[in-house]
Protein backbone atom coordinates (compact mmCIF):
# COMPACT_ATOMS: atom_id res chain seq x y z
CA MET A 1 227.47 63.17 63.05
CA ARG A 2 225.73 64.42 66.41
CA LYS A 3 221.58 63.91 65.94
CA THR A 4 221.71 67.54 67.76
CA PRO A 5 224.05 70.52 67.68
CA SER A 6 226.75 70.92 70.10
CA VAL A 7 227.59 74.14 71.97
CA VAL A 8 231.27 74.26 73.90
CA LEU A 9 231.83 76.17 76.79
CA VAL A 10 235.75 77.36 76.43
CA GLY A 11 238.06 79.23 78.68
CA ARG A 12 240.37 79.53 81.16
CA PRO A 13 240.26 78.07 85.14
CA ASN A 14 237.81 79.36 87.56
CA VAL A 15 235.45 82.09 85.12
CA GLY A 16 232.71 80.07 85.65
CA LYS A 17 232.41 77.39 82.88
CA SER A 18 230.88 74.96 85.17
CA THR A 19 228.93 77.10 86.80
CA LEU A 20 227.55 77.84 83.77
CA PHE A 21 226.94 74.31 82.61
CA ASN A 22 224.83 73.61 85.83
CA ARG A 23 222.80 76.64 85.59
CA VAL A 24 221.86 75.90 82.08
CA THR A 25 221.61 72.48 82.66
CA GLY A 26 220.05 71.57 86.27
CA SER A 27 217.55 74.96 86.80
CA ARG A 28 215.78 75.51 83.42
CA ARG A 29 212.27 74.23 82.93
CA ALA A 30 212.85 73.25 79.21
CA ILE A 31 215.91 71.22 80.05
CA VAL A 32 215.50 67.36 79.22
CA ALA A 33 217.36 64.06 78.49
CA SER A 34 220.51 63.91 81.04
CA VAL A 35 224.02 62.47 80.56
CA ALA A 36 226.02 62.05 83.65
CA GLY A 37 229.65 62.20 83.19
CA THR A 38 232.33 63.25 85.55
CA THR A 39 234.86 65.85 86.62
CA ARG A 40 237.96 65.39 84.29
CA ASP A 41 235.03 63.69 81.00
CA ALA A 42 233.92 67.09 78.73
CA ILE A 43 230.56 67.28 80.53
CA GLY A 44 227.72 66.32 78.01
CA GLN A 45 224.16 67.18 78.58
CA GLU A 46 221.33 67.80 75.88
CA VAL A 47 219.03 71.02 76.38
CA VAL A 48 216.06 71.93 74.85
CA TRP A 49 215.59 76.23 74.68
CA ARG A 50 212.91 77.30 72.76
CA GLY A 51 212.07 74.11 71.13
CA GLN A 52 215.85 73.85 70.10
CA PRO A 53 217.86 70.80 71.21
CA PHE A 54 221.78 71.32 71.44
CA GLU A 55 224.21 69.24 73.62
CA LEU A 56 226.26 71.23 76.07
CA PHE A 57 229.77 70.25 76.92
CA ASP A 58 231.73 71.59 79.54
CA THR A 59 235.61 71.57 78.73
CA GLY A 60 236.68 71.02 81.81
CA GLY A 61 241.17 71.28 82.03
CA LEU A 62 241.04 72.54 78.14
CA TYR A 63 243.32 75.53 78.63
CA GLY A 64 245.36 75.96 81.90
CA ALA A 65 248.11 74.35 83.52
CA SER A 66 247.51 70.73 85.42
CA GLU A 67 249.38 68.44 87.80
CA ASP A 68 246.53 66.35 86.87
CA PRO A 69 248.21 63.22 85.78
CA LEU A 70 245.47 62.41 83.28
CA HIS A 71 245.68 66.11 81.91
CA ALA A 72 246.56 65.66 78.34
CA LEU A 73 243.87 63.19 77.56
CA VAL A 74 241.57 65.79 79.34
CA VAL A 75 243.03 68.10 76.68
CA ARG A 76 242.82 65.87 73.80
CA GLN A 77 239.10 65.10 74.95
CA GLY A 78 238.20 68.75 74.72
CA GLN A 79 239.79 69.34 71.66
CA ARG A 80 237.63 66.87 69.95
CA ALA A 81 234.78 68.64 71.54
CA VAL A 82 235.57 71.89 70.29
CA ALA A 83 236.34 70.29 66.90
CA GLY A 84 233.20 68.67 66.52
CA ALA A 85 231.12 71.43 67.70
CA GLN A 86 228.82 74.16 65.52
CA LEU A 87 228.98 77.38 67.96
CA LEU A 88 231.47 78.30 71.03
CA VAL A 89 231.04 79.97 74.12
CA LEU A 90 234.26 81.79 75.36
CA VAL A 91 233.45 82.43 79.27
CA VAL A 92 235.56 85.04 80.98
CA ASP A 93 235.85 86.75 84.19
CA GLY A 94 234.07 90.37 84.35
CA ARG A 95 236.04 90.56 88.00
CA GLU A 96 239.45 89.77 87.12
CA GLY A 97 238.77 91.65 83.40
CA LEU A 98 241.11 90.77 80.29
CA VAL A 99 244.27 88.69 80.98
CA PRO A 100 246.73 87.94 78.18
CA ALA A 101 245.11 84.24 78.56
CA ASP A 102 242.12 85.72 77.15
CA GLN A 103 243.74 86.76 73.98
CA GLU A 104 245.45 83.48 73.69
CA ILE A 105 242.49 81.77 73.81
CA ALA A 106 241.02 84.09 71.78
CA ALA A 107 243.53 84.22 69.02
CA ASP A 108 243.33 80.09 68.81
CA LEU A 109 239.66 80.05 68.76
CA ARG A 110 239.81 82.65 65.36
CA GLN A 111 242.21 80.70 63.99
CA GLY A 112 240.29 77.59 63.99
CA GLY A 113 237.41 79.44 61.83
CA HIS A 114 235.07 78.66 64.89
CA ARG A 115 231.66 80.68 65.46
CA VAL A 116 232.14 82.06 69.07
CA ILE A 117 229.98 84.02 71.71
CA LEU A 118 231.40 85.86 74.12
CA ALA A 119 229.82 85.63 77.72
CA ILE A 120 231.67 87.56 80.27
CA ASN A 121 230.58 86.34 83.49
CA LYS A 122 230.42 87.33 87.03
CA ALA A 123 229.23 90.93 85.36
CA ASP A 124 226.99 91.44 89.00
CA ASP A 125 229.86 91.62 90.83
CA LYS A 126 230.47 95.24 91.20
CA ARG A 127 233.92 94.67 90.56
CA ALA A 128 233.18 93.95 86.94
CA ARG A 129 232.32 96.96 85.87
CA GLY A 130 235.51 98.50 84.69
CA SER A 131 236.21 96.03 82.78
CA THR A 132 233.70 95.13 79.82
CA LEU A 133 234.65 97.76 76.92
CA ASP A 134 238.37 95.91 77.38
CA PHE A 135 236.74 92.35 75.93
CA TYR A 136 235.24 94.24 73.31
CA ARG A 137 238.96 94.07 71.92
CA LEU A 138 238.93 89.99 71.44
CA GLY A 139 236.36 90.57 68.66
CA PHE A 140 233.15 88.41 69.22
CA GLU A 141 230.45 89.51 68.62
CA PRO A 142 227.44 89.27 70.22
CA VAL A 143 228.53 90.00 73.45
CA PHE A 144 226.60 88.74 76.61
CA GLU A 145 227.23 90.14 80.09
CA ILE A 146 226.02 87.68 83.00
CA SER A 147 225.94 85.76 86.08
CA ALA A 148 226.40 82.15 85.96
CA GLU A 149 225.81 81.58 89.67
CA HIS A 150 222.54 83.84 89.96
CA GLY A 151 220.88 83.35 86.77
CA GLN A 152 221.59 86.74 85.38
CA GLY A 153 221.86 87.34 81.55
CA VAL A 154 221.72 83.21 81.00
CA ALA A 155 218.56 83.27 79.35
CA ASP A 156 219.09 86.05 76.80
CA LEU A 157 222.75 84.34 76.01
CA LEU A 158 220.64 80.53 75.12
CA ASP A 159 218.11 82.98 73.08
CA GLU A 160 221.28 84.20 70.57
CA LEU A 161 222.37 79.88 71.04
CA VAL A 162 219.13 78.81 69.51
CA GLU A 163 219.16 81.85 67.21
CA GLN A 164 222.98 81.19 65.71
CA LEU A 165 221.73 77.04 65.67
CA GLY A 166 218.87 77.54 63.29
CA ALA A 167 221.70 79.11 60.74
CA PRO A 168 224.05 77.17 59.09
CA ASP A 169 227.46 77.45 60.14
CA SER A 170 229.54 80.53 58.70
CA GLY A 171 232.86 78.70 59.90
CA SER A 172 232.15 75.61 57.33
CA SER A 173 232.82 74.95 53.98
CA GLY A 174 229.71 73.09 51.86
CA ALA A 175 231.26 70.12 50.68
CA PRO A 176 230.67 69.89 46.35
CA GLY A 177 227.23 68.93 45.80
CA ASP A 178 225.70 71.03 48.46
CA SER A 179 222.59 72.55 47.57
CA ALA A 180 221.73 76.23 47.86
CA SER A 181 219.12 76.02 49.93
CA ALA A 182 221.01 74.10 52.18
CA ALA A 183 223.19 77.08 52.76
CA MET A 184 220.59 79.64 52.95
CA PRO A 185 219.99 80.92 56.82
CA GLN A 186 216.75 79.45 58.35
CA PRO A 187 214.66 81.70 60.32
CA LEU A 188 214.07 80.77 64.37
CA VAL A 189 210.79 80.23 64.77
CA ARG A 190 210.53 81.27 68.89
CA GLU A 191 208.17 77.96 70.24
CA GLU A 192 205.75 80.35 72.95
CA THR A 193 205.04 83.26 73.81
CA ASN A 194 204.20 83.55 78.09
CA ILE A 195 201.84 86.08 78.40
CA ALA A 196 200.77 85.91 83.16
CA ILE A 197 196.79 87.93 82.50
CA VAL A 198 197.24 89.58 85.96
CA GLY A 199 195.44 91.63 88.15
CA ARG A 200 193.42 92.58 91.41
CA PRO A 201 190.23 89.71 91.87
CA ASN A 202 187.23 90.36 90.26
CA VAL A 203 188.84 92.63 87.02
CA GLY A 204 187.47 89.78 84.21
CA LYS A 205 190.97 88.21 84.24
CA SER A 206 189.37 84.81 83.47
CA SER A 207 186.56 86.37 81.28
CA LEU A 208 189.74 87.88 78.88
CA VAL A 209 191.09 84.56 79.09
CA ASN A 210 188.16 82.64 78.02
CA ARG A 211 187.20 85.28 75.66
CA LEU A 212 190.30 85.23 73.78
CA LEU A 213 190.46 81.30 73.62
CA SER A 214 186.73 80.75 72.45
CA ASP A 215 186.82 83.57 69.83
CA GLU A 216 190.44 82.06 68.04
CA ARG A 217 189.13 78.74 68.84
CA MET A 218 192.70 77.35 68.07
CA LEU A 219 193.65 76.31 71.35
CA VAL A 220 195.90 73.24 71.12
CA SER A 221 196.14 71.87 74.34
CA GLU A 222 195.10 73.15 78.46
CA MET A 223 196.62 71.78 81.60
CA PRO A 224 195.56 72.64 84.90
CA GLY A 225 198.50 74.33 87.33
CA THR A 226 200.08 73.49 90.53
CA THR A 227 198.14 76.25 92.37
CA ARG A 228 194.06 75.79 92.23
CA ASP A 229 193.49 79.31 90.26
CA ALA A 230 196.30 78.93 87.98
CA VAL A 231 195.42 77.15 84.53
CA ASP A 232 197.91 77.30 81.49
CA SER A 233 196.42 77.40 78.11
CA LEU A 234 198.33 76.74 74.78
CA LEU A 235 196.94 79.01 71.64
CA THR A 236 197.93 78.98 67.73
CA TRP A 237 197.06 82.64 66.32
CA HIS A 238 198.46 83.78 63.70
CA ARG A 239 201.12 81.06 63.41
CA ARG A 240 202.14 82.29 66.77
CA ARG A 241 201.69 80.34 70.04
CA PHE A 242 200.80 81.96 73.39
CA ARG A 243 200.77 80.22 76.59
CA ILE A 244 198.29 82.05 78.57
CA VAL A 245 198.76 81.92 82.15
CA ASP A 246 194.98 83.10 84.39
CA THR A 247 196.28 83.49 87.75
CA ALA A 248 194.22 84.38 90.74
CA GLY A 249 193.91 87.73 91.97
CA MET A 250 195.70 90.24 94.08
CA ARG A 251 195.06 91.49 96.95
CA LYS A 252 197.41 93.56 99.31
CA THR A 253 199.20 91.47 101.37
CA GLY A 254 197.31 91.94 104.98
CA ARG A 255 194.64 90.95 103.21
CA VAL A 256 196.16 87.60 101.09
CA ARG A 257 197.89 86.86 105.13
CA SER A 258 194.14 86.68 106.51
CA GLY A 259 192.57 85.00 103.26
CA GLY A 260 194.45 81.55 104.25
CA ALA A 261 197.33 79.36 102.80
CA VAL A 262 195.09 78.76 99.78
CA GLU A 263 195.15 82.31 98.67
CA LEU A 264 198.89 82.65 99.82
CA VAL A 265 199.98 80.28 97.58
CA SER A 266 197.97 81.23 95.33
CA VAL A 267 198.96 84.42 95.10
CA LEU A 268 202.52 83.63 95.01
CA GLY A 269 201.25 82.10 92.17
CA ALA A 270 200.90 85.02 90.56
CA LYS A 271 203.82 86.20 91.48
CA ARG A 272 206.11 83.30 89.98
CA ALA A 273 203.70 83.58 86.19
CA ILE A 274 204.78 87.44 86.35
CA GLY A 275 208.91 86.13 86.60
CA ASP A 276 208.08 83.48 83.83
CA ALA A 277 205.97 86.04 81.53
CA ASP A 278 207.43 87.70 78.37
CA VAL A 279 204.60 89.78 78.38
CA VAL A 280 202.45 90.67 81.71
CA VAL A 281 198.50 91.97 80.63
CA LEU A 282 197.91 94.08 83.61
CA VAL A 283 193.84 93.65 83.73
CA VAL A 284 192.03 96.75 85.94
CA ASP A 285 188.66 97.81 86.01
CA ALA A 286 187.45 100.31 83.64
CA ASN A 287 184.23 101.06 86.27
CA GLU A 288 186.09 101.64 89.00
CA ALA A 289 189.09 104.09 89.60
CA ILE A 290 192.64 102.90 89.63
CA ALA A 291 194.20 101.46 92.63
CA ASP A 292 197.44 101.38 94.64
CA GLN A 293 196.90 97.35 94.18
CA ASP A 294 197.05 97.93 90.66
CA ALA A 295 200.20 100.14 90.88
CA ALA A 296 202.00 97.13 92.78
CA ILE A 297 201.18 94.66 90.85
CA GLY A 298 202.53 96.82 87.51
CA GLY A 299 205.57 97.65 89.49
CA GLN A 300 206.54 93.69 89.75
CA ALA A 301 206.10 93.41 86.11
CA ASP A 302 208.29 96.33 85.48
CA ARG A 303 210.82 95.28 87.74
CA ALA A 304 211.25 91.81 86.45
CA GLY A 305 211.68 93.52 82.94
CA ARG A 306 208.46 92.08 81.37
CA GLY A 307 206.89 93.98 78.44
CA VAL A 308 203.48 95.37 79.35
CA VAL A 309 200.22 96.03 78.38
CA ILE A 310 197.43 97.29 80.41
CA VAL A 311 194.17 96.28 79.83
CA ALA A 312 191.11 98.28 81.18
CA ASN A 313 188.03 95.77 81.10
CA LYS A 314 184.24 96.23 81.28
CA TRP A 315 184.39 98.85 78.91
CA ASP A 316 180.61 98.53 78.04
CA LEU A 317 179.82 99.39 81.36
CA VAL A 318 181.67 103.19 80.79
CA LYS A 319 181.98 103.82 76.96
CA ASP A 320 178.68 105.89 76.97
CA ARG A 321 180.47 108.31 79.29
CA GLY A 322 181.93 109.69 76.16
CA PRO A 323 185.16 111.14 74.93
CA LYS A 324 185.40 113.02 77.38
CA PHE A 325 185.69 109.65 79.88
CA VAL A 326 188.42 107.71 78.16
CA GLU A 327 190.84 111.04 78.47
CA THR A 328 190.09 111.23 81.45
CA PHE A 329 190.72 107.67 82.09
CA ASP A 330 193.83 107.21 80.45
CA ASP A 331 195.40 110.38 82.30
CA GLU A 332 194.58 108.66 85.76
CA VAL A 333 195.87 105.48 84.83
CA ARG A 334 199.41 107.26 83.62
CA ARG A 335 199.44 109.68 86.68
CA ARG A 336 198.99 106.32 89.26
CA MET A 337 201.25 104.51 87.18
CA LYS A 338 203.99 106.35 85.90
CA PHE A 339 206.21 104.17 85.41
CA LEU A 340 204.41 102.50 83.17
CA GLU A 341 204.45 104.85 80.47
CA TYR A 342 205.45 102.87 77.90
CA ALA A 343 202.95 100.46 78.49
CA PRO A 344 200.09 100.35 75.61
CA VAL A 345 196.63 101.05 77.26
CA LEU A 346 193.53 99.24 75.82
CA HIS A 347 189.72 99.56 76.14
CA ILE A 348 187.69 95.96 75.54
CA SER A 349 184.88 94.25 76.76
CA ALA A 350 185.57 90.76 77.77
CA LEU A 351 182.35 90.26 78.08
CA THR A 352 181.02 91.39 74.64
CA GLY A 353 184.57 90.85 72.97
CA GLU A 354 184.58 94.57 71.87
CA ARG A 355 188.27 95.06 71.17
CA ALA A 356 189.45 91.86 72.75
CA PRO A 357 191.72 90.84 69.44
CA ARG A 358 193.66 93.45 69.94
CA VAL A 359 194.80 92.36 72.82
CA LEU A 360 196.45 89.75 71.35
CA GLU A 361 197.77 91.87 68.42
CA THR A 362 199.03 94.08 71.24
CA ILE A 363 200.89 91.59 73.16
CA ASP A 364 202.49 90.15 69.69
CA LEU A 365 203.46 93.46 68.35
CA VAL A 366 205.39 93.94 72.67
CA SER A 367 207.07 90.20 72.78
CA ALA A 368 208.48 91.36 69.51
CA SER A 369 209.90 94.83 70.69
CA ARG A 370 211.50 93.31 73.97
CA ARG A 371 213.31 91.33 72.27
CA LYS A 372 214.95 93.73 69.29
CA ARG A 373 218.30 94.46 69.45
CA VAL A 374 219.67 97.25 67.43
CA PRO A 375 222.72 97.08 65.61
CA THR A 376 226.26 98.94 66.84
CA PRO A 377 226.47 101.51 63.74
CA ALA A 378 222.67 102.40 63.91
CA LEU A 379 222.35 103.29 67.75
CA ASN A 380 225.54 104.91 67.83
CA LYS A 381 224.24 106.52 64.57
CA PHE A 382 221.09 108.10 66.47
CA LEU A 383 223.57 108.55 69.65
CA ALA A 384 225.33 111.20 67.75
CA GLU A 385 222.30 112.89 66.12
CA VAL A 386 220.60 112.85 69.78
CA THR A 387 223.35 114.34 71.72
CA ALA A 388 224.51 116.85 68.84
CA ALA A 389 221.07 118.58 69.61
CA ASN A 390 220.49 117.20 73.08
CA PRO A 391 224.06 117.34 74.96
CA PRO A 392 223.97 114.91 78.00
CA VAL A 393 224.36 116.46 81.72
CA SER A 394 225.63 114.44 84.76
CA PRO A 395 223.88 114.83 88.14
CA GLY A 396 226.59 117.23 88.67
CA ARG A 397 225.90 119.14 85.82
CA GLN A 398 229.51 118.39 84.25
CA HIS A 399 230.24 118.37 80.95
CA VAL A 400 229.73 115.31 79.07
CA ARG A 401 230.69 113.51 76.12
CA ILE A 402 228.60 109.88 74.78
CA LEU A 403 231.83 108.01 73.43
CA TYR A 404 230.31 104.42 73.11
CA ALA A 405 227.20 102.69 73.19
CA ALA A 406 226.31 98.72 72.53
CA GLN A 407 222.92 97.14 73.56
CA ILE A 408 224.27 94.61 75.97
CA GLY A 409 220.93 92.48 76.21
CA ILE A 410 217.43 91.70 75.36
CA ALA A 411 214.16 91.05 77.32
CA PRO A 412 214.38 94.22 78.53
CA PRO A 413 216.52 95.97 75.54
CA SER A 414 219.65 97.09 77.89
CA PHE A 415 221.96 99.02 76.94
CA VAL A 416 225.82 100.60 78.18
CA PHE A 417 226.27 104.15 77.62
CA PHE A 418 230.38 104.64 77.86
CA THR A 419 231.46 108.75 78.63
CA ASN A 420 234.20 110.82 79.47
CA VAL A 421 233.21 111.68 83.42
CA ALA A 422 229.54 110.45 83.78
CA THR A 423 228.80 107.50 85.97
CA THR A 424 225.01 108.41 85.89
CA PHE A 425 223.19 111.05 83.74
CA HIS A 426 220.72 113.38 85.38
CA PHE A 427 217.71 111.44 85.85
CA SER A 428 215.70 113.48 83.34
CA TYR A 429 218.26 113.30 81.05
CA GLU A 430 218.08 109.25 81.25
CA ARG A 431 214.11 109.51 81.13
CA PHE A 432 215.22 111.67 77.45
CA LEU A 433 217.44 109.34 76.50
CA VAL A 434 215.23 106.29 77.10
CA ASN A 435 212.21 108.15 75.34
CA GLN A 436 214.32 109.09 72.22
CA LEU A 437 215.30 104.99 71.46
CA ARG A 438 212.12 103.85 72.15
CA GLU A 439 210.66 106.15 69.35
CA HIS A 440 213.08 105.61 67.08
CA PHE A 441 213.33 102.22 67.06
CA GLY A 442 210.38 101.40 68.29
CA PHE A 443 210.24 99.46 71.63
CA VAL A 444 206.49 99.18 72.51
CA GLY A 445 205.60 98.22 75.70
CA THR A 446 208.94 97.16 77.00
CA PRO A 447 210.90 98.50 80.38
CA ILE A 448 214.54 99.83 78.31
CA ARG A 449 217.64 99.49 81.01
CA VAL A 450 219.82 101.70 81.13
CA GLN A 451 223.88 101.88 82.26
CA VAL A 452 226.59 104.58 82.44
CA ARG A 453 229.86 103.65 82.45
CA ARG A 454 233.12 106.39 82.62
CA ARG A 455 235.80 105.37 79.90
CA ALA A 456 239.09 106.21 82.56
CA LYS A 457 242.64 106.78 80.94
CA GLY A 458 243.90 104.05 78.85
CA GLY A 459 240.50 102.25 77.41
CA ARG A 460 239.06 101.46 80.82
CA GLN A 461 236.21 102.18 82.67
CA ALA A 462 235.04 103.25 86.27
CA GLY A 463 232.03 101.96 87.43
């Protein structure tokens, strides 16, 4: 028996299995212990994602015809890999759509009693937009839309892999004498929540990090970053692990260029930290007006799909101005950063520690919210109630019916709505729908992505 569970990529030739294999095993920071193979072999490499090790296999020519004289041997090797797998990822080509060969492979996998996750590859291609719904006919859930070439959706797929690997294999039967406890699902413990502390220079980012670390006194380890002003710190809080990245102050582009190469590298490091973060803490100076650069930094986090918490630091300098100031300040934050209306606003003092513990509490809440998955029946029940009271409209004011909805991703939560006519909602209705989703299902501090697709005659969609 293998020391680590195995995950096997299966599917037709040229759907992108090898590209996905290379993406997972070659370009993510959590990857360890490579094992070389040949193109004819069921190539395997050991991977670690969020603390869960598993061995990933690319089955090569398991399905489909081949003129390779060793094809029969390749197939047998692939079949052995599938037989020993704890989990299979069926990769299909969203650009080509559902084809009979996909259905034949799906039937073969169901007959074998395997646990299967469906990955619709090449979803970034416009030609893939009309085929997603058809793949639900294969009967596998969850379904992920990915781009193996560009990495889109791959992290969500890996999160689901490690979550399922943390649970017992529902497709296997326990041997006599197996304990009942061994058959109980084991909860997935996420290794870390990555936090980027960002903002303009001198707003108190480092003071906030020092306050969080020194107050909790649970720092596990600390390591200097590659850039001069960036430091990664590991903090344990209420059995949660946070990796806090203190970044360089981010000035306007023109000023950064005038600051020389060192500042340029530091700001690039800060932007990279935003891209790597689960939650971005945007620190602003409560004693100053909200600046255009505050909004620009927040916009980067929003576009990256990260959870966002806005921290108004130096509140000790303004708290005596009365409750009217609080209202005025928060209104100004919302006015200057309308696109971050979902982000909680905290008033703290890193210097005195006032309200500082709320920062970690809110980060934890936002991190959980952006990874929340809504069951499809609950989503569609909610949708029926909302649309009955407030029917959707398209930009052309056409009568629109939402036929079906599904959550297609997490971090950030992403939803697709299949309609009778619309390929977009009116912007005001989309905002209404997002706000209703947020309020009903508790998506705190995270952007929500919405796609609308028209279901054409015959069950296919037009994108």
